[in-house]
C-alpha atoms as a PDB file:
ATOM      1  CA  UNK A   1      68.093  65.643  26.378  1.00  0.00           C
ATOM      2  CA  UNK A   2      71.396  64.344  27.692  1.00  0.00           C
ATOM      3  CA  UNK A   3      73.808  67.053  28.869  1.00  0.00           C
ATOM      4  CA  UNK A   4      77.504  66.524  29.537  1.00  0.00           C
ATOM      5  CA  UNK A   5      79.052  69.053  31.920  1.00  0.00           C
ATOM      6  CA  UNK A   6      82.821  69.450  31.704  1.00  0.00           C
ATOM      7  CA  UNK A   7      82.864  70.203  35.365  1.00  0.00           C
ATOM      8  CA  UNK A   8      84.810  71.745  38.213  1.00  0.00           C
ATOM      9  CA  UNK A   9      84.432  72.392  41.928  1.00  0.00           C
ATOM     10  CA  UNK A  10      81.556  74.793  41.237  1.00  0.00           C
ATOM     11  CA  UNK A  11      79.540  72.392  39.084  1.00  0.00           C
ATOM     12  CA  UNK A  12      79.963  69.777  41.829  1.00  0.00           C
ATOM     13  CA  UNK A  13      78.769  72.205  44.499  1.00  0.00           C
ATOM     14  CA  UNK A  14      81.857  71.722  46.644  1.00  0.00           C
ATOM     15  CA  UNK A  15      81.602  75.240  48.074  1.00  0.00           C
ATOM     16  CA  UNK A  16      77.802  75.474  48.183  1.00  0.00           C
ATOM     17  CA  UNK A  17      76.060  72.199  49.051  1.00  0.00           C
ATOM     18  CA  UNK A  18      72.629  71.876  47.486  1.00  0.00           C
ATOM     19  CA  UNK A  19      71.265  72.096  43.955  1.00  0.00           C
ATOM     20  CA  UNK A  20      74.089  73.045  41.568  1.00  0.00           C
ATOM     21  CA  UNK A  21      73.672  75.409  38.654  1.00  0.00           C
ATOM     22  CA  UNK A  22      73.722  72.586  36.041  1.00  0.00           C
ATOM     23  CA  UNK A  23      70.954  70.851  37.998  1.00  0.00           C
ATOM     24  CA  UNK A  24      69.042  74.134  38.252  1.00  0.00           C
ATOM     25  CA  UNK A  25      69.372  74.651  34.498  1.00  0.00           C
ATOM     26  CA  UNK A  26      68.277  71.091  33.713  1.00  0.00           C
ATOM     27  CA  UNK A  27      65.151  71.441  35.861  1.00  0.00           C
ATOM     28  CA  UNK A  28      64.198  74.748  34.217  1.00  0.00           C
ATOM     29  CA  UNK A  29      64.728  73.388  30.708  1.00  0.00           C
ATOM     30  CA  UNK A  30      62.764  70.240  31.511  1.00  0.00           C
ATOM     31  CA  UNK A  31      59.877  72.313  32.887  1.00  0.00           C
ATOM     32  CA  UNK A  32      59.866  74.549  29.811  1.00  0.00           C
ATOM     33  CA  UNK A  33      60.078  71.757  27.226  1.00  0.00           C
ATOM     34  CA  UNK A  34      58.292  69.000  29.171  1.00  0.00           C
ATOM     35  CA  UNK A  35      61.115  66.684  28.182  1.00  0.00           C
ATOM     36  CA  UNK A  36      63.424  64.673  30.397  1.00  0.00           C
ATOM     37  CA  UNK A  37      66.827  66.306  30.852  1.00  0.00           C
ATOM     38  CA  UNK A  38      69.711  64.328  32.346  1.00  0.00           C
ATOM     39  CA  UNK A  39      73.033  65.680  33.597  1.00  0.00           C
ATOM     40  CA  UNK A  40      76.356  63.827  33.432  1.00  0.00           C
ATOM     41  CA  UNK A  41      78.973  65.894  35.285  1.00  0.00           C
ATOM     42  CA  UNK A  42      82.647  64.981  34.838  1.00  0.00           C
ATOM     43  CA  UNK A  43      85.814  66.486  36.257  1.00  0.00           C
ATOM     44  CA  UNK A  44      87.626  68.584  33.657  1.00  0.00           C
ATOM     45  CA  UNK A  45      90.359  71.197  33.444  1.00  0.00           C
ATOM     46  CA  UNK A  46      91.165  73.084  30.258  1.00  0.00           C
ATOM     47  CA  UNK A  47      94.670  73.839  31.571  1.00  0.00           C
ATOM     48  CA  UNK A  48      95.780  70.206  31.352  1.00  0.00           C
ATOM     49  CA  UNK A  49      97.878  69.310  28.272  1.00  0.00           C
ATOM     50  CA  UNK A  50      95.528  66.419  27.457  1.00  0.00           C
ATOM     51  CA  UNK A  51      92.342  68.498  27.843  1.00  0.00           C
ATOM     52  CA  UNK A  52      91.252  68.412  24.154  1.00  0.00           C
ATOM     53  CA  UNK A  53      91.726  64.651  23.854  1.00  0.00           C
ATOM     54  CA  UNK A  54      90.030  64.050  27.203  1.00  0.00           C
ATOM     55  CA  UNK A  55      87.027  66.187  26.208  1.00  0.00           C
ATOM     56  CA  UNK A  56      86.674  64.228  22.968  1.00  0.00           C
ATOM     57  CA  UNK A  57      86.857  60.940  24.879  1.00  0.00           C
ATOM     58  CA  UNK A  58      84.105  62.037  27.282  1.00  0.00           C
ATOM     59  CA  UNK A  59      81.829  63.005  24.398  1.00  0.00           C
ATOM     60  CA  UNK A  60      82.398  59.652  22.745  1.00  0.00           C
ATOM     61  CA  UNK A  61      81.624  57.873  26.013  1.00  0.00           C
ATOM     62  CA  UNK A  62      78.549  59.865  27.092  1.00  0.00           C
ATOM     63  CA  UNK A  63      77.090  60.641  23.639  1.00  0.00           C
ATOM     64  CA  UNK A  64      75.442  63.868  24.837  1.00  0.00           C
ATOM     65  CA  UNK A  65      73.060  66.099  22.918  1.00  0.00           C
ATOM     66  CA  UNK A  66      74.696  69.123  24.507  1.00  0.00           C
ATOM     67  CA  UNK A  67      78.010  69.873  26.194  1.00  0.00           C
ATOM     68  CA  UNK A  68      78.225  72.624  28.813  1.00  0.00           C
ATOM     69  CA  UNK A  69      81.739  74.057  28.933  1.00  0.00           C
ATOM     70  CA  UNK A  70      82.209  76.378  31.961  1.00  0.00           C
ATOM     71  CA  UNK A  71      84.587  79.228  31.254  1.00  0.00           C
ATOM     72  CA  UNK A  72      86.354  80.627  34.286  1.00  0.00           C
ATOM     73  CA  UNK A  73      89.046  83.303  34.262  1.00  0.00           C
ATOM     74  CA  UNK A  74      90.508  82.824  37.754  1.00  0.00           C
ATOM     75  CA  UNK A  75      93.496  80.960  36.268  1.00  0.00           C
ATOM     76  CA  UNK A  76      94.883  84.283  35.003  1.00  0.00           C
ATOM     77  CA  UNK A  77      93.280  86.775  37.411  1.00  0.00           C
ATOM     78  CA  UNK A  78      93.858  85.127  40.806  1.00  0.00           C
ATOM     79  CA  UNK A  79      97.242  84.551  42.423  1.00  0.00           C
ATOM     80  CA  UNK A  80      98.294  81.204  43.913  1.00  0.00           C
ATOM     81  CA  UNK A  81     101.195  80.541  46.233  1.00  0.00           C
ATOM     82  CA  UNK A  82     101.920  77.069  44.789  1.00  0.00           C
ATOM     83  CA  UNK A  83     102.560  78.626  41.356  1.00  0.00           C
ATOM     84  CA  UNK A  84     105.134  80.920  42.935  1.00  0.00           C
ATOM     85  CA  UNK A  85     106.739  77.940  44.699  1.00  0.00           C
ATOM     86  CA  UNK A  86     106.922  76.064  41.398  1.00  0.00           C
ATOM     87  CA  UNK A  87     108.580  79.018  39.693  1.00  0.00           C
ATOM     88  CA  UNK A  88     111.392  79.185  42.238  1.00  0.00           C
ATOM     89  CA  UNK A  89     111.774  75.576  43.377  1.00  0.00           C
ATOM     90  CA  UNK A  90     110.351  73.385  40.619  1.00  0.00           C
ATOM     91  CA  UNK A  91     107.419  71.068  40.079  1.00  0.00           C
ATOM     92  CA  UNK A  92     108.358  68.496  42.721  1.00  0.00           C
ATOM     93  CA  UNK A  93     108.546  71.025  45.554  1.00  0.00           C
ATOM     94  CA  UNK A  94     105.349  72.686  44.321  1.00  0.00           C
ATOM     95  CA  UNK A  95     103.560  69.340  44.425  1.00  0.00           C
ATOM     96  CA  UNK A  96     104.738  68.809  47.994  1.00  0.00           C
ATOM     97  CA  UNK A  97     103.509  72.282  48.881  1.00  0.00           C
ATOM     98  CA  UNK A  98     100.085  71.634  47.319  1.00  0.00           C
ATOM     99  CA  UNK A  99      99.726  68.372  49.240  1.00  0.00           C
ATOM    100  CA  UNK A 100     100.565  70.203  52.451  1.00  0.00           C
ATOM    101  CA  UNK A 101      98.114  72.960  51.587  1.00  0.00           C
ATOM    102  CA  UNK A 102      95.382  70.364  50.922  1.00  0.00           C
ATOM    103  CA  UNK A 103      96.088  68.710  54.268  1.00  0.00           C
ATOM    104  CA  UNK A 104      95.871  72.084  55.997  1.00  0.00           C
ATOM    105  CA  UNK A 105      92.577  72.792  54.227  1.00  0.00           C
ATOM    106  CA  UNK A 106      91.071  69.528  55.428  1.00  0.00           C
ATOM    107  CA  UNK A 107      91.828  70.534  59.013  1.00  0.00           C
ATOM    108  CA  UNK A 108      90.959  74.236  58.868  1.00  0.00           C
ATOM    109  CA  UNK A 109      87.841  74.403  56.648  1.00  0.00           C
ATOM    110  CA  UNK A 110      84.257  73.877  57.737  1.00  0.00           C
ATOM    111  CA  UNK A 111      81.502  71.974  55.928  1.00  0.00           C
ATOM    112  CA  UNK A 112      81.058  74.861  53.471  1.00  0.00           C
ATOM    113  CA  UNK A 113      84.790  74.706  52.626  1.00  0.00           C
ATOM    114  CA  UNK A 114      85.367  78.076  54.279  1.00  0.00           C
ATOM    115  CA  UNK A 115      88.652  78.518  56.218  1.00  0.00           C
ATOM    116  CA  UNK A 116      88.603  79.194  59.936  1.00  0.00           C
ATOM    117  CA  UNK A 117      90.793  81.846  61.568  1.00  0.00           C
ATOM    118  CA  UNK A 118      93.806  79.520  61.714  1.00  0.00           C
ATOM    119  CA  UNK A 119      93.463  78.663  58.035  1.00  0.00           C
ATOM    120  CA  UNK A 120      93.200  82.320  57.048  1.00  0.00           C
ATOM    121  CA  UNK A 121      96.249  83.195  59.128  1.00  0.00           C
ATOM    122  CA  UNK A 122      98.380  80.387  57.681  1.00  0.00           C
ATOM    123  CA  UNK A 123      97.385  81.204  54.108  1.00  0.00           C
ATOM    124  CA  UNK A 124      97.961  84.916  54.625  1.00  0.00           C
ATOM    125  CA  UNK A 125     101.402  84.272  56.103  1.00  0.00           C
ATOM    126  CA  UNK A 126     102.480  82.097  53.164  1.00  0.00           C
ATOM    127  CA  UNK A 127     101.149  84.603  50.640  1.00  0.00           C
ATOM    128  CA  UNK A 128     103.173  87.367  52.286  1.00  0.00           C
ATOM    129  CA  UNK A 129     106.350  85.291  52.585  1.00  0.00           C
ATOM    130  CA  UNK A 130     106.327  83.551  49.195  1.00  0.00           C
ATOM    131  CA  UNK A 131     104.035  85.717  47.121  1.00  0.00           C
ATOM    132  CA  UNK A 132     101.442  84.669  44.553  1.00  0.00           C
ATOM    133  CA  UNK A 133     101.234  84.252  40.801  1.00  0.00           C
ATOM    134  CA  UNK A 134      98.440  83.351  38.346  1.00  0.00           C
ATOM    135  CA  UNK A 135      98.488  79.845  36.863  1.00  0.00           C
ATOM    136  CA  UNK A 136      98.594  81.116  33.277  1.00  0.00           C
ATOM    137  CA  UNK A 137      97.983  84.149  31.072  1.00  0.00           C
ATOM    138  CA  UNK A 138      94.738  85.183  29.409  1.00  0.00           C
ATOM    139  CA  UNK A 139      96.200  84.368  25.981  1.00  0.00           C
ATOM    140  CA  UNK A 140      97.458  80.997  27.175  1.00  0.00           C
ATOM    141  CA  UNK A 141      94.091  80.050  28.636  1.00  0.00           C
ATOM    142  CA  UNK A 142      92.262  81.236  25.507  1.00  0.00           C
ATOM    143  CA  UNK A 143      94.486  78.953  23.445  1.00  0.00           C
ATOM    144  CA  UNK A 144      93.626  76.034  25.718  1.00  0.00           C
ATOM    145  CA  UNK A 145      89.896  76.616  25.332  1.00  0.00           C
ATOM    146  CA  UNK A 146      90.146  77.073  21.582  1.00  0.00           C
ATOM    147  CA  UNK A 147      91.875  73.705  21.343  1.00  0.00           C
ATOM    148  CA  UNK A 148      89.115  72.113  23.440  1.00  0.00           C
ATOM    149  CA  UNK A 149      86.421  73.619  21.213  1.00  0.00           C
ATOM    150  CA  UNK A 150      88.145  72.306  18.098  1.00  0.00           C
ATOM    151  CA  UNK A 151      88.225  68.836  19.625  1.00  0.00           C
ATOM    152  CA  UNK A 152      84.526  69.026  20.534  1.00  0.00           C
ATOM    153  CA  UNK A 153      83.697  70.155  17.013  1.00  0.00           C
ATOM    154  CA  UNK A 154      84.854  66.782  15.712  1.00  0.00           C
ATOM    155  CA  UNK A 155      81.944  65.020  17.424  1.00  0.00           C
ATOM    156  CA  UNK A 156      78.818  64.447  15.333  1.00  0.00           C
ATOM    157  CA  UNK A 157      75.376  65.674  16.383  1.00  0.00           C
ATOM    158  CA  UNK A 158      76.673  67.374  19.519  1.00  0.00           C
ATOM    159  CA  UNK A 159      76.128  71.032  20.342  1.00  0.00           C
ATOM    160  CA  UNK A 160      78.216  73.062  22.800  1.00  0.00           C
ATOM    161  CA  UNK A 161      77.211  75.918  25.072  1.00  0.00           C
ATOM    162  CA  UNK A 162      80.121  77.808  26.604  1.00  0.00           C
ATOM    163  CA  UNK A 163      79.184  79.245  30.000  1.00  0.00           C
ATOM    164  CA  UNK A 164      81.242  82.235  31.087  1.00  0.00           C
ATOM    165  CA  UNK A 165      81.415  82.648  34.841  1.00  0.00           C
ATOM    166  CA  UNK A 166      81.127  86.199  36.232  1.00  0.00           C
ATOM    167  CA  UNK A 167      84.341  88.132  36.956  1.00  0.00           C
ATOM    168  CA  UNK A 168      86.064  87.164  40.182  1.00  0.00           C
ATOM    169  CA  UNK A 169      85.596  89.480  43.155  1.00  0.00           C
ATOM    170  CA  UNK A 170      88.386  91.817  44.242  1.00  0.00           C
ATOM    171  CA  UNK A 171      89.397  89.646  47.202  1.00  0.00           C
ATOM    172  CA  UNK A 172      90.937  87.068  44.876  1.00  0.00           C
ATOM    173  CA  UNK A 173      92.050  89.198  41.908  1.00  0.00           C
ATOM    174  CA  UNK A 174      95.769  89.960  41.792  1.00  0.00           C
ATOM    175  CA  UNK A 175      96.232  91.400  38.270  1.00  0.00           C
ATOM    176  CA  UNK A 176      95.594  95.081  37.632  1.00  0.00           C
ATOM    177  CA  UNK A 177      93.766  94.893  34.286  1.00  0.00           C
ATOM    178  CA  UNK A 178      91.694  91.803  35.043  1.00  0.00           C
ATOM    179  CA  UNK A 179      88.472  93.193  33.551  1.00  0.00           C
ATOM    180  CA  UNK A 180      90.102  94.103  30.233  1.00  0.00           C
ATOM    181  CA  UNK A 181      91.929  90.777  30.074  1.00  0.00           C
ATOM    182  CA  UNK A 182      88.635  88.985  30.670  1.00  0.00           C
ATOM    183  CA  UNK A 183      86.976  90.928  27.856  1.00  0.00           C
ATOM    184  CA  UNK A 184      89.701  90.008  25.351  1.00  0.00           C
ATOM    185  CA  UNK A 185      89.734  86.428  26.576  1.00  0.00           C
ATOM    186  CA  UNK A 186      85.992  86.032  26.043  1.00  0.00           C
ATOM    187  CA  UNK A 187      86.254  87.592  22.587  1.00  0.00           C
ATOM    188  CA  UNK A 188      88.910  85.042  21.599  1.00  0.00           C
ATOM    189  CA  UNK A 189      86.923  82.069  22.889  1.00  0.00           C
ATOM    190  CA  UNK A 190      83.607  83.340  21.475  1.00  0.00           C
ATOM    191  CA  UNK A 191      85.188  83.765  18.041  1.00  0.00           C
ATOM    192  CA  UNK A 192      86.392  80.157  18.065  1.00  0.00           C
ATOM    193  CA  UNK A 193      82.990  78.948  19.278  1.00  0.00           C
ATOM    194  CA  UNK A 194      81.246  80.830  16.465  1.00  0.00           C
ATOM    195  CA  UNK A 195      83.438  79.102  13.876  1.00  0.00           C
ATOM    196  CA  UNK A 196      81.875  75.812  14.927  1.00  0.00           C
ATOM    197  CA  UNK A 197      78.359  77.241  15.379  1.00  0.00           C
ATOM    198  CA  UNK A 198      78.638  76.892  19.129  1.00  0.00           C
ATOM    199  CA  UNK A 199      77.250  79.558  21.450  1.00  0.00           C
ATOM    200  CA  UNK A 200      78.498  81.432  24.521  1.00  0.00           C
ATOM    201  CA  UNK A 201      76.491  82.923  27.377  1.00  0.00           C
ATOM    202  CA  UNK A 202      78.058  85.424  29.773  1.00  0.00           C
ATOM    203  CA  UNK A 203      76.616  85.522  33.293  1.00  0.00           C
ATOM    204  CA  UNK A 204      78.287  88.814  34.282  1.00  0.00           C
ATOM    205  CA  UNK A 205      75.206  91.006  33.806  1.00  0.00           C
ATOM    206  CA  UNK A 206      72.915  88.588  35.672  1.00  0.00           C
ATOM    207  CA  UNK A 207      75.228  88.511  38.692  1.00  0.00           C
ATOM    208  CA  UNK A 208      75.642  92.278  38.628  1.00  0.00           C
ATOM    209  CA  UNK A 209      71.919  93.013  38.303  1.00  0.00           C
ATOM    210  CA  UNK A 210      70.703  90.468  40.855  1.00  0.00           C
ATOM    211  CA  UNK A 211      69.039  92.150  43.855  1.00  0.00           C
ATOM    212  CA  UNK A 212      71.209  90.069  46.186  1.00  0.00           C
ATOM    213  CA  UNK A 213      74.420  90.502  44.172  1.00  0.00           C
ATOM    214  CA  UNK A 214      76.500  90.792  47.336  1.00  0.00           C
ATOM    215  CA  UNK A 215      75.477  87.287  48.393  1.00  0.00           C
ATOM    216  CA  UNK A 216      76.340  85.392  45.197  1.00  0.00           C
ATOM    217  CA  UNK A 217      80.030  84.678  45.890  1.00  0.00           C
ATOM    218  CA  UNK A 218      81.776  82.698  48.603  1.00  0.00           C
ATOM    219  CA  UNK A 219      84.546  84.560  50.500  1.00  0.00           C
ATOM    220  CA  UNK A 220      87.260  83.345  48.094  1.00  0.00           C
ATOM    221  CA  UNK A 221      85.721  85.542  45.403  1.00  0.00           C
ATOM    222  CA  UNK A 222      85.304  83.017  42.601  1.00  0.00           C
ATOM    223  CA  UNK A 223      82.906  80.304  43.755  1.00  0.00           C
ATOM    224  CA  UNK A 224      79.126  80.683  43.778  1.00  0.00           C
ATOM    225  CA  UNK A 225      76.952  80.475  46.858  1.00  0.00           C
ATOM    226  CA  UNK A 226      73.612  78.668  46.724  1.00  0.00           C
ATOM    227  CA  UNK A 227      72.056  81.948  45.585  1.00  0.00           C
ATOM    228  CA  UNK A 228      74.726  82.272  42.906  1.00  0.00           C
ATOM    229  CA  UNK A 229      73.930  78.792  41.635  1.00  0.00           C
ATOM    230  CA  UNK A 230      70.294  79.864  41.211  1.00  0.00           C
ATOM    231  CA  UNK A 231      71.279  82.909  39.168  1.00  0.00           C
ATOM    232  CA  UNK A 232      73.707  80.983  36.968  1.00  0.00           C
ATOM    233  CA  UNK A 233      71.255  78.112  36.512  1.00  0.00           C
ATOM    234  CA  UNK A 234      68.661  80.549  35.150  1.00  0.00           C
ATOM    235  CA  UNK A 235      71.202  82.113  32.767  1.00  0.00           C
ATOM    236  CA  UNK A 236      72.257  78.710  31.445  1.00  0.00           C
ATOM    237  CA  UNK A 237      68.679  77.494  31.074  1.00  0.00           C
ATOM    238  CA  UNK A 238      67.849  80.567  29.001  1.00  0.00           C
ATOM    239  CA  UNK A 239      70.921  79.929  26.879  1.00  0.00           C
ATOM    240  CA  UNK A 240      69.933  76.305  26.286  1.00  0.00           C
ATOM    241  CA  UNK A 241      66.364  77.214  25.367  1.00  0.00           C
ATOM    242  CA  UNK A 242      67.641  79.819  22.890  1.00  0.00           C
ATOM    243  CA  UNK A 243      69.771  77.304  20.993  1.00  0.00           C
ATOM    244  CA  UNK A 244      68.566  76.624  17.431  1.00  0.00           C
END
């Protein structure tokens, strides 16, 4: 089985070096089926205007048996200073700010991508001075993912498993009704997936019920630790094995 992962910083393990959840899932599926399972992880963002076309191009290039489409909600639940800068000063200034923020990160984060005291102070100061704002709305992001699913549906002999990340922790959430927005968002995306006979697995219950649930997130509230990758890998493996 060849699996294409439309990936992100979590699927690459940028915040938790080690075996990523797609790799965990592949190993579990291979052990259960006694078949070789390969992973092809590619950078992807559903918020980009060209996301549907790019997803279709990747499928044509890789020719996977299965596409894993991670479904995060942080784009409408978490606040970002650069979005606020863009709102008031435009795209060019926001791009400058993001470059400066990236440079600061490279100097103030450790090997696990966690900020030191200076990094936390600088970020906190900018958030207080400028404020924060989500990148998009739940409805806007749902539209983006629906468009991606429609593009993937055009590929022949390719199944899709949508993988819903758990809700972000309170440290990163800035909207009041984040849980309700997530519920409606998942309903919208799941309905589109069902139209194409794709499936969706939600990892929320697994993260909540895990005996070490307090150790599954990095301090930013929306990336998985090594333990989180194990939990999510098991959820995804079960979802793959349940596919018709």
